[in-house]
Amino acid sequence: MQDKTIAFIGDSLGRQQFQSLMCMATGGEWRADVEDVGKEYGLFKPRGAIRPNGWAYRFSNTNTTILYYWSSTLADLEPLNITDKATDVAMHLDRVPAFMRQFLHQFDVLVLNTGHHWNRGKITANHWVMYVNGKPLKDRRLMAVGNAKNLTVHSVARWLDSQLPSHPRLRAFFRTISPRHFRNGDWNTGGNCDNTTPFTGGSEVSQDESSDPVIAAAVKGTNITLLDITALSDLRDEGHISRYSVKATAGVNDCLHWCLPGIPDTWNELLVAQI
């Protein structure tokens, strides 16, 4: 990866894969040759935000850059009134994030992911208003969350595939969804993942088809590689943060994100093997 850039664009599980790769590349140690180059990509912490909209680090000894950009749905988001904090946000289902369009020419490896923010609660809470062809979406069938996600994922895959001939050095991957393991409820209704023994549900993946048919269908027939981690990650329900978070809240389990070091390291081993 000398003189190359690897980019992750997606949700918090994409962020965890980025964090995993950074830890693997540095050996988990602070290194003087790792430079924060987020400003080169317009990455910053918006006012009032918990964290930046992404990170970018360069290993100066090999000129290798590893970056992450937050785009939880891979739809382009555009505030309708930038002067109003409470403004609705146009969620362009048929348009890739502006960050991807702007910086694609600088990437040598691109890893996309999405999935868990595609629910009505997230869309409402974020004041996202679905748009297609630059106009508010009126088709109620398309506005159903599953159909909207399907449209976006296929739009992103088609656009990216169309760009690959003019970016011959780019290797593009679409990672399948990371599985949740909430049992006896959801994250806010007492759900838990208290198992601590690996492979209690089995240790083999024998299926031929992906457990994420939406992403698999989107990349079929394209030059985008499917990074299929869903079924193998499903075997490791004990690998989640569970109730052991540093900021743990009584009665709340995180059975969505992973402990690090952990399962996302395996995703990166598979990614590196395919590169």
C-alpha atoms as a PDB file:
ATOM      1  CA  MET A   1       0.000   0.000   0.000  1.00  0.00           C
ATOM      2  CA  GLN A   2       2.947   2.352  -0.470  1.00  0.00           C
ATOM      3  CA  ASP A   3       1.821   5.727  -1.912  1.00  0.00           C
ATOM      4  CA  LYS A   4      -1.802   4.532  -1.727  1.00  0.00           C
ATOM      5  CA  THR A   5      -4.995   5.588   0.028  1.00  0.00           C
ATOM      6  CA  ILE A   6      -7.615   3.288   1.537  1.00  0.00           C
ATOM      7  CA  ALA A   7     -10.980   4.873   2.339  1.00  0.00           C
ATOM      8  CA  PHE A   8     -13.925   3.642   4.380  1.00  0.00           C
ATOM      9  CA  ILE A   9     -17.285   5.347   3.849  1.00  0.00           C
ATOM     10  CA  GLY A  10     -20.275   4.236   5.891  1.00  0.00           C
ATOM     11  CA  ASP A  11     -21.852   4.077   9.335  1.00  0.00           C
ATOM     12  CA  SER A  12     -20.436   3.396  12.807  1.00  0.00           C
ATOM     13  CA  LEU A  13     -19.636  -0.208  11.837  1.00  0.00           C
ATOM     14  CA  GLY A  14     -17.575   1.208   8.976  1.00  0.00           C
ATOM     15  CA  ARG A  15     -15.892   3.410  11.558  1.00  0.00           C
ATOM     16  CA  GLN A  16     -15.091   0.335  13.628  1.00  0.00           C
ATOM     17  CA  GLN A  17     -13.496  -1.334  10.605  1.00  0.00           C
ATOM     18  CA  PHE A  18     -11.410   1.813  10.046  1.00  0.00           C
ATOM     19  CA  GLN A  19     -10.396   1.889  13.739  1.00  0.00           C
ATOM     20  CA  SER A  20      -9.500  -1.799  13.552  1.00  0.00           C
ATOM     21  CA  LEU A  21      -7.276  -1.273  10.517  1.00  0.00           C
ATOM     22  CA  MET A  22      -5.551   1.699  12.140  1.00  0.00           C
ATOM     23  CA  CYS A  23      -4.804  -0.403  15.227  1.00  0.00           C
ATOM     24  CA  MET A  24      -3.555  -3.296  13.095  1.00  0.00           C
ATOM     25  CA  ALA A  25      -1.328  -0.980  11.034  1.00  0.00           C
ATOM     26  CA  THR A  26       0.173   0.747  14.072  1.00  0.00           C
ATOM     27  CA  GLY A  27       0.374  -2.312  16.299  1.00  0.00           C
ATOM     28  CA  GLY A  28      -1.853  -0.408  18.706  1.00  0.00           C
ATOM     29  CA  GLU A  29       1.009   1.948  19.592  1.00  0.00           C
ATOM     30  CA  TRP A  30       1.432   5.700  19.152  1.00  0.00           C
ATOM     31  CA  ARG A  31       3.802   6.310  16.252  1.00  0.00           C
ATOM     32  CA  ALA A  32       5.653   9.470  15.293  1.00  0.00           C
ATOM     33  CA  ASP A  33       5.329   8.660  11.585  1.00  0.00           C
ATOM     34  CA  VAL A  34       1.499   8.789  11.661  1.00  0.00           C
ATOM     35  CA  GLU A  35       0.200  12.229  10.703  1.00  0.00           C
ATOM     36  CA  ASP A  36      -3.350  13.554  11.022  1.00  0.00           C
ATOM     37  CA  VAL A  37      -4.277  14.759   7.519  1.00  0.00           C
ATOM     38  CA  GLY A  38      -8.020  15.168   8.037  1.00  0.00           C
ATOM     39  CA  LYS A  39      -7.919  18.800   6.905  1.00  0.00           C
ATOM     40  CA  GLU A  40      -6.846  17.682   3.415  1.00  0.00           C
ATOM     41  CA  TYR A  41     -10.232  15.965   3.110  1.00  0.00           C
ATOM     42  CA  GLY A  42     -12.340  18.620   4.806  1.00  0.00           C
ATOM     43  CA  LEU A  43     -12.863  16.423   7.851  1.00  0.00           C
ATOM     44  CA  PHE A  44     -13.734  18.338  11.008  1.00  0.00           C
ATOM     45  CA  LYS A  45     -15.919  18.238  14.113  1.00  0.00           C
ATOM     46  CA  PRO A  46     -19.150  20.171  13.467  1.00  0.00           C
ATOM     47  CA  ARG A  47     -20.276  22.488  16.250  1.00  0.00           C
ATOM     48  CA  GLY A  48     -22.243  20.532  18.833  1.00  0.00           C
ATOM     49  CA  ALA A  49     -21.286  17.162  17.365  1.00  0.00           C
ATOM     50  CA  ILE A  50     -19.993  14.293  19.493  1.00  0.00           C
ATOM     51  CA  ARG A  51     -17.249  13.401  17.025  1.00  0.00           C
ATOM     52  CA  PRO A  52     -15.804  14.558  13.668  1.00  0.00           C
ATOM     53  CA  ASN A  53     -17.395  13.631  10.339  1.00  0.00           C
ATOM     54  CA  GLY A  54     -14.340  11.501   9.690  1.00  0.00           C
ATOM     55  CA  TRP A  55     -10.616  10.959  10.204  1.00  0.00           C
ATOM     56  CA  ALA A  56      -7.615  10.611   7.905  1.00  0.00           C
ATOM     57  CA  TYR A  57      -4.119   9.497   8.883  1.00  0.00           C
ATOM     58  CA  ARG A  58      -0.973   9.197   6.788  1.00  0.00           C
ATOM     59  CA  PHE A  59       1.959   6.895   7.515  1.00  0.00           C
ATOM     60  CA  SER A  60       4.817   9.114   6.366  1.00  0.00           C
ATOM     61  CA  ASN A  61       7.340   6.272   6.036  1.00  0.00           C
ATOM     62  CA  THR A  62       5.271   4.629   3.264  1.00  0.00           C
ATOM     63  CA  ASN A  63       3.008   7.545   2.248  1.00  0.00           C
ATOM     64  CA  THR A  64      -0.005   5.327   2.998  1.00  0.00           C
ATOM     65  CA  THR A  65      -3.251   7.073   3.958  1.00  0.00           C
ATOM     66  CA  ILE A  66      -6.141   5.431   5.819  1.00  0.00           C
ATOM     67  CA  LEU A  67      -9.345   7.451   6.150  1.00  0.00           C
ATOM     68  CA  TYR A  68     -12.968   7.189   7.209  1.00  0.00           C
ATOM     69  CA  TYR A  69     -15.940   9.373   6.298  1.00  0.00           C
ATOM     70  CA  TRP A  70     -19.274   9.205   8.091  1.00  0.00           C
ATOM     71  CA  SER A  71     -22.178   8.481   5.744  1.00  0.00           C
ATOM     72  CA  SER A  72     -24.621   6.237   7.548  1.00  0.00           C
ATOM     73  CA  THR A  73     -26.970   5.635   4.583  1.00  0.00           C
ATOM     74  CA  LEU A  74     -24.668   6.417   1.607  1.00  0.00           C
ATOM     75  CA  ALA A  75     -27.343   8.840   0.399  1.00  0.00           C
ATOM     76  CA  ASP A  76     -26.235  12.422  -0.251  1.00  0.00           C
ATOM     77  CA  LEU A  77     -27.481  14.711   2.535  1.00  0.00           C
ATOM     78  CA  GLU A  78     -28.150  18.378   1.840  1.00  0.00           C
ATOM     79  CA  PRO A  79     -29.588  20.780   4.469  1.00  0.00           C
ATOM     80  CA  LEU A  80     -32.515  22.677   3.007  1.00  0.00           C
ATOM     81  CA  ASN A  81     -31.651  25.800   5.025  1.00  0.00           C
ATOM     82  CA  ILE A  82     -28.026  25.996   6.180  1.00  0.00           C
ATOM     83  CA  THR A  83     -28.797  28.938   8.518  1.00  0.00           C
ATOM     84  CA  ASP A  84     -31.386  26.943  10.498  1.00  0.00           C
ATOM     85  CA  LYS A  85     -30.091  24.238  12.869  1.00  0.00           C
ATOM     86  CA  ALA A  86     -33.525  22.582  12.918  1.00  0.00           C
ATOM     87  CA  THR A  87     -33.848  22.498   9.143  1.00  0.00           C
ATOM     88  CA  ASP A  88     -35.028  19.459   7.249  1.00  0.00           C
ATOM     89  CA  VAL A  89     -32.321  17.673   5.285  1.00  0.00           C
ATOM     90  CA  ALA A  90     -32.792  16.466   1.727  1.00  0.00           C
ATOM     91  CA  MET A  91     -31.832  12.787   1.593  1.00  0.00           C
ATOM     92  CA  HIS A  92     -31.030  12.176  -2.076  1.00  0.00           C
ATOM     93  CA  LEU A  93     -31.639   8.457  -2.532  1.00  0.00           C
ATOM     94  CA  ASP A  94     -30.236   8.495  -6.070  1.00  0.00           C
ATOM     95  CA  ARG A  95     -27.102  10.560  -5.394  1.00  0.00           C
ATOM     96  CA  VAL A  96     -23.875   9.399  -3.755  1.00  0.00           C
ATOM     97  CA  PRO A  97     -22.360  11.509  -0.948  1.00  0.00           C
ATOM     98  CA  ALA A  98     -20.602  14.656  -2.169  1.00  0.00           C
ATOM     99  CA  PHE A  99     -17.459  13.530  -0.313  1.00  0.00           C
ATOM    100  CA  MET A 100     -17.266  10.409  -2.458  1.00  0.00           C
ATOM    101  CA  ARG A 101     -17.719  12.360  -5.681  1.00  0.00           C
ATOM    102  CA  GLN A 102     -15.096  14.912  -4.636  1.00  0.00           C
ATOM    103  CA  PHE A 103     -12.320  12.582  -3.517  1.00  0.00           C
ATOM    104  CA  LEU A 104     -12.853   9.350  -5.474  1.00  0.00           C
ATOM    105  CA  HIS A 105      -9.880  10.135  -7.728  1.00  0.00           C
ATOM    106  CA  GLN A 106      -7.572  10.016  -4.671  1.00  0.00           C
ATOM    107  CA  PHE A 107      -8.608   6.538  -3.495  1.00  0.00           C
ATOM    108  CA  ASP A 108      -6.866   3.272  -4.332  1.00  0.00           C
ATOM    109  CA  VAL A 109      -9.153   1.121  -2.165  1.00  0.00           C
ATOM    110  CA  LEU A 110     -12.716   2.075  -1.226  1.00  0.00           C
ATOM    111  CA  VAL A 111     -14.856   0.132   1.252  1.00  0.00           C
ATOM    112  CA  LEU A 112     -18.550   1.056   1.552  1.00  0.00           C
ATOM    113  CA  ASN A 113     -21.124  -0.102   4.061  1.00  0.00           C
ATOM    114  CA  THR A 114     -24.627   0.790   5.235  1.00  0.00           C
ATOM    115  CA  GLY A 115     -27.607  -0.842   6.886  1.00  0.00           C
ATOM    116  CA  HIS A 116     -28.482  -0.052  10.490  1.00  0.00           C
ATOM    117  CA  HIS A 117     -29.603   3.557  10.029  1.00  0.00           C
ATOM    118  CA  TRP A 118     -32.278   2.500   7.590  1.00  0.00           C
ATOM    119  CA  ASN A 119     -35.194   2.681   9.996  1.00  0.00           C
ATOM    120  CA  ARG A 120     -38.044   5.124  10.383  1.00  0.00           C
ATOM    121  CA  GLY A 121     -36.879   6.291  13.827  1.00  0.00           C
ATOM    122  CA  LYS A 122     -33.466   7.419  12.541  1.00  0.00           C
ATOM    123  CA  ILE A 123     -34.932   9.080   9.458  1.00  0.00           C
ATOM    124  CA  THR A 124     -37.481  11.031  11.508  1.00  0.00           C
ATOM    125  CA  ALA A 125     -35.022  11.984  14.262  1.00  0.00           C
ATOM    126  CA  ASN A 126     -32.523  13.332  11.707  1.00  0.00           C
ATOM    127  CA  HIS A 127     -35.195  15.338   9.849  1.00  0.00           C
ATOM    128  CA  TRP A 128     -34.317  13.531   6.641  1.00  0.00           C
ATOM    129  CA  VAL A 129     -36.742  14.088   3.756  1.00  0.00           C
ATOM    130  CA  MET A 130     -36.388  11.635   0.875  1.00  0.00           C
ATOM    131  CA  TYR A 131     -35.596  13.131  -2.522  1.00  0.00           C
ATOM    132  CA  VAL A 132     -35.278  11.535  -5.986  1.00  0.00           C
ATOM    133  CA  ASN A 133     -34.309  13.388  -9.164  1.00  0.00           C
ATOM    134  CA  GLY A 134     -33.762  16.507  -7.064  1.00  0.00           C
ATOM    135  CA  LYS A 135     -37.379  16.628  -5.880  1.00  0.00           C
ATOM    136  CA  PRO A 136     -39.197  15.487  -2.720  1.00  0.00           C
ATOM    137  CA  LEU A 137     -40.303  11.886  -3.090  1.00  0.00           C
ATOM    138  CA  LYS A 138     -44.081  11.433  -3.397  1.00  0.00           C
ATOM    139  CA  ASP A 139     -44.210   7.727  -4.252  1.00  0.00           C
ATOM    140  CA  ARG A 140     -45.342   6.071  -1.000  1.00  0.00           C
ATOM    141  CA  ARG A 141     -44.126   2.675  -2.156  1.00  0.00           C
ATOM    142  CA  LEU A 142     -40.586   4.021  -2.645  1.00  0.00           C
ATOM    143  CA  MET A 143     -40.774   5.866   0.663  1.00  0.00           C
ATOM    144  CA  ALA A 144     -41.048   2.564   2.530  1.00  0.00           C
ATOM    145  CA  VAL A 145     -37.684   2.264   4.303  1.00  0.00           C
ATOM    146  CA  GLY A 146     -36.734  -1.085   2.750  1.00  0.00           C
ATOM    147  CA  ASN A 147     -37.454   0.152  -0.763  1.00  0.00           C
ATOM    148  CA  ALA A 148     -35.642   3.445  -0.165  1.00  0.00           C
ATOM    149  CA  LYS A 149     -32.579   1.573   1.086  1.00  0.00           C
ATOM    150  CA  ASN A 150     -32.691  -0.740  -1.930  1.00  0.00           C
ATOM    151  CA  LEU A 151     -32.866   2.228  -4.306  1.00  0.00           C
ATOM    152  CA  THR A 152     -29.925   3.972  -2.613  1.00  0.00           C
ATOM    153  CA  VAL A 153     -27.683   0.917  -2.440  1.00  0.00           C
ATOM    154  CA  HIS A 154     -28.292   0.091  -6.109  1.00  0.00           C
ATOM    155  CA  SER A 155     -27.789   3.750  -7.114  1.00  0.00           C
ATOM    156  CA  VAL A 156     -24.462   3.904  -5.271  1.00  0.00           C
ATOM    157  CA  ALA A 157     -23.275   0.618  -6.794  1.00  0.00           C
ATOM    158  CA  ARG A 158     -24.261   1.681 -10.329  1.00  0.00           C
ATOM    159  CA  TRP A 159     -22.570   5.062  -9.989  1.00  0.00           C
ATOM    160  CA  LEU A 160     -19.378   3.600  -8.526  1.00  0.00           C
ATOM    161  CA  ASP A 161     -19.199   0.885 -11.163  1.00  0.00           C
ATOM    162  CA  SER A 162     -19.607   3.542 -13.867  1.00  0.00           C
ATOM    163  CA  GLN A 163     -16.594   5.398 -12.442  1.00  0.00           C
ATOM    164  CA  LEU A 164     -14.217   2.429 -12.313  1.00  0.00           C
ATOM    165  CA  PRO A 165     -13.148   2.539 -15.991  1.00  0.00           C
ATOM    166  CA  SER A 166     -11.851   6.093 -15.501  1.00  0.00           C
ATOM    167  CA  HIS A 167     -10.203   5.139 -12.176  1.00  0.00           C
ATOM    168  CA  PRO A 168      -8.276   2.010 -13.231  1.00  0.00           C
ATOM    169  CA  ARG A 169      -6.192   1.833 -10.057  1.00  0.00           C
ATOM    170  CA  LEU A 170      -9.260   1.794  -7.768  1.00  0.00           C
ATOM    171  CA  ARG A 171     -10.366  -1.407  -6.039  1.00  0.00           C
ATOM    172  CA  ALA A 172     -13.943  -1.023  -4.794  1.00  0.00           C
ATOM    173  CA  PHE A 173     -15.593  -3.128  -2.090  1.00  0.00           C
ATOM    174  CA  PHE A 174     -19.117  -3.125  -0.675  1.00  0.00           C
ATOM    175  CA  ARG A 175     -19.185  -4.746   2.752  1.00  0.00           C
ATOM    176  CA  THR A 176     -22.303  -6.614   3.818  1.00  0.00           C
ATOM    177  CA  ILE A 177     -24.180  -5.677   6.982  1.00  0.00           C
ATOM    178  CA  SER A 178     -22.725  -6.392  10.409  1.00  0.00           C
ATOM    179  CA  PRO A 179     -25.191  -8.556  12.384  1.00  0.00           C
ATOM    180  CA  ARG A 180     -26.907  -7.545  15.638  1.00  0.00           C
ATOM    181  CA  HIS A 181     -27.321 -10.038  18.480  1.00  0.00           C
ATOM    182  CA  PHE A 182     -29.948  -8.543  20.782  1.00  0.00           C
ATOM    183  CA  ARG A 183     -31.888 -11.202  22.663  1.00  0.00           C
ATOM    184  CA  ASN A 184     -34.989 -10.834  24.859  1.00  0.00           C
ATOM    185  CA  GLY A 185     -35.560  -7.275  23.676  1.00  0.00           C
ATOM    186  CA  ASP A 186     -33.882  -4.480  21.732  1.00  0.00           C
ATOM    187  CA  TRP A 187     -31.171  -2.005  22.769  1.00  0.00           C
ATOM    188  CA  ASN A 188     -33.695   0.157  24.643  1.00  0.00           C
ATOM    189  CA  THR A 189     -36.040  -2.567  25.909  1.00  0.00           C
ATOM    190  CA  GLY A 190     -33.688  -4.744  27.924  1.00  0.00           C
ATOM    191  CA  GLY A 191     -32.127  -6.722  25.087  1.00  0.00           C
ATOM    192  CA  ASN A 192     -28.807  -8.352  25.884  1.00  0.00           C
ATOM    193  CA  CYS A 193     -25.948 -10.428  24.483  1.00  0.00           C
ATOM    194  CA  ASP A 194     -24.515 -11.919  27.648  1.00  0.00           C
ATOM    195  CA  ASN A 195     -23.006 -15.031  26.096  1.00  0.00           C
ATOM    196  CA  THR A 196     -19.224 -15.125  26.649  1.00  0.00           C
ATOM    197  CA  THR A 197     -18.404 -18.383  24.844  1.00  0.00           C
ATOM    198  CA  PRO A 198     -17.451 -18.225  21.135  1.00  0.00           C
ATOM    199  CA  PHE A 199     -19.255 -20.401  18.568  1.00  0.00           C
ATOM    200  CA  THR A 200     -22.078 -21.586  20.831  1.00  0.00           C
ATOM    201  CA  GLY A 201     -24.345 -21.520  17.787  1.00  0.00           C
ATOM    202  CA  GLY A 202     -21.886 -23.353  15.526  1.00  0.00           C
ATOM    203  CA  SER A 203     -18.493 -22.644  13.986  1.00  0.00           C
ATOM    204  CA  GLU A 204     -19.060 -23.052  10.243  1.00  0.00           C
ATOM    205  CA  VAL A 205     -20.686 -21.113   7.426  1.00  0.00           C
ATOM    206  CA  SER A 206     -22.076 -23.596   4.924  1.00  0.00           C
ATOM    207  CA  GLN A 207     -24.513 -21.425   2.938  1.00  0.00           C
ATOM    208  CA  ASP A 208     -23.814 -20.471  -0.663  1.00  0.00           C
ATOM    209  CA  GLU A 209     -25.752 -17.186  -0.719  1.00  0.00           C
ATOM    210  CA  SER A 210     -24.981 -14.016   1.210  1.00  0.00           C
ATOM    211  CA  SER A 211     -26.952 -13.228   4.357  1.00  0.00           C
ATOM    212  CA  ASP A 212     -27.228  -9.657   3.009  1.00  0.00           C
ATOM    213  CA  PRO A 213     -29.149 -10.107  -0.263  1.00  0.00           C
ATOM    214  CA  VAL A 214     -29.589  -6.340  -0.784  1.00  0.00           C
ATOM    215  CA  ILE A 215     -25.854  -5.571  -1.018  1.00  0.00           C
ATOM    216  CA  ALA A 216     -25.140  -8.825  -2.868  1.00  0.00           C
ATOM    217  CA  ALA A 217     -27.749  -7.985  -5.511  1.00  0.00           C
ATOM    218  CA  ALA A 218     -26.465  -4.422  -5.873  1.00  0.00           C
ATOM    219  CA  VAL A 219     -22.908  -5.477  -6.754  1.00  0.00           C
ATOM    220  CA  LYS A 220     -23.893  -8.436  -8.934  1.00  0.00           C
ATOM    221  CA  GLY A 221     -22.729  -7.860 -12.500  1.00  0.00           C
ATOM    222  CA  THR A 222     -20.440  -4.973 -11.481  1.00  0.00           C
ATOM    223  CA  ASN A 223     -16.696  -4.728 -10.893  1.00  0.00           C
ATOM    224  CA  ILE A 224     -17.306  -4.006  -7.208  1.00  0.00           C
ATOM    225  CA  THR A 225     -16.177  -6.804  -4.901  1.00  0.00           C
ATOM    226  CA  LEU A 226     -18.576  -8.112  -2.260  1.00  0.00           C
ATOM    227  CA  LEU A 227     -16.858  -8.169   1.143  1.00  0.00           C
ATOM    228  CA  ASP A 228     -19.205 -10.686   2.724  1.00  0.00           C
ATOM    229  CA  ILE A 229     -18.831 -10.728   6.512  1.00  0.00           C
ATOM    230  CA  THR A 230     -22.412 -11.185   7.734  1.00  0.00           C
ATOM    231  CA  ALA A 231     -22.704 -14.950   8.191  1.00  0.00           C
ATOM    232  CA  LEU A 232     -19.239 -15.425   9.694  1.00  0.00           C
ATOM    233  CA  SER A 233     -19.750 -12.509  12.114  1.00  0.00           C
ATOM    234  CA  ASP A 234     -23.113 -13.957  13.102  1.00  0.00           C
ATOM    235  CA  LEU A 235     -21.243 -16.865  14.723  1.00  0.00           C
ATOM    236  CA  ARG A 236     -19.567 -14.504  17.213  1.00  0.00           C
ATOM    237  CA  ASP A 237     -22.419 -13.147  19.332  1.00  0.00           C
ATOM    238  CA  GLU A 238     -20.061 -12.964  22.336  1.00  0.00           C
ATOM    239  CA  GLY A 239     -17.844 -10.404  20.571  1.00  0.00           C
ATOM    240  CA  HIS A 240     -20.103  -7.377  21.107  1.00  0.00           C
ATOM    241  CA  ILE A 241     -19.531  -4.646  23.672  1.00  0.00           C
ATOM    242  CA  SER A 242     -22.556  -5.910  25.628  1.00  0.00           C
ATOM    243  CA  ARG A 243     -22.766  -4.161  29.013  1.00  0.00           C
ATOM    244  CA  TYR A 244     -19.005  -3.599  29.290  1.00  0.00           C
ATOM    245  CA  SER A 245     -18.813  -0.189  27.626  1.00  0.00           C
ATOM    246  CA  VAL A 246     -16.700   2.484  29.309  1.00  0.00           C
ATOM    247  CA  LYS A 247     -19.849   4.636  29.270  1.00  0.00           C
ATOM    248  CA  ALA A 248     -22.224   1.800  30.136  1.00  0.00           C
ATOM    249  CA  THR A 249     -25.748   2.694  31.212  1.00  0.00           C
ATOM    250  CA  ALA A 250     -27.532   0.374  33.616  1.00  0.00           C
ATOM    251  CA  GLY A 251     -29.868  -1.969  31.751  1.00  0.00           C
ATOM    252  CA  VAL A 252     -28.559  -0.993  28.302  1.00  0.00           C
ATOM    253  CA  ASN A 253     -26.507  -3.458  26.231  1.00  0.00           C
ATOM    254  CA  ASP A 254     -24.639  -2.688  23.006  1.00  0.00           C
ATOM    255  CA  CYS A 255     -25.128  -5.823  20.927  1.00  0.00           C
ATOM    256  CA  LEU A 256     -24.484  -3.995  17.664  1.00  0.00           C
ATOM    257  CA  HIS A 257     -20.919  -2.667  17.929  1.00  0.00           C
ATOM    258  CA  TRP A 258     -17.905  -4.890  18.526  1.00  0.00           C
ATOM    259  CA  CYS A 259     -15.131  -4.990  21.108  1.00  0.00           C
ATOM    260  CA  LEU A 260     -11.766  -4.042  19.600  1.00  0.00           C
ATOM    261  CA  PRO A 261      -9.509  -5.889  19.060  1.00  0.00           C
ATOM    262  CA  GLY A 262     -12.204  -8.192  17.765  1.00  0.00           C
ATOM    263  CA  ILE A 263     -14.384  -9.287  14.889  1.00  0.00           C
ATOM    264  CA  PRO A 264     -13.682  -6.277  12.567  1.00  0.00           C
ATOM    265  CA  ASP A 265     -10.020  -7.375  12.546  1.00  0.00           C
ATOM    266  CA  THR A 266     -11.141 -10.463  10.639  1.00  0.00           C
ATOM    267  CA  TRP A 267     -13.039  -8.277   8.167  1.00  0.00           C
ATOM    268  CA  ASN A 268      -9.757  -6.468   7.498  1.00  0.00           C
ATOM    269  CA  GLU A 269      -7.817  -9.714   7.131  1.00  0.00           C
ATOM    270  CA  LEU A 270     -10.309 -10.720   4.433  1.00  0.00           C
ATOM    271  CA  LEU A 271     -10.062  -7.266   2.839  1.00  0.00           C
ATOM    272  CA  VAL A 272      -6.256  -7.346   2.746  1.00  0.00           C
ATOM    273  CA  ALA A 273      -6.293 -10.894   1.336  1.00  0.00           C
ATOM    274  CA  GLN A 274      -8.559  -9.761  -1.518  1.00  0.00           C
ATOM    275  CA  ILE A 275      -6.457  -6.643  -2.198  1.00  0.00           C
END
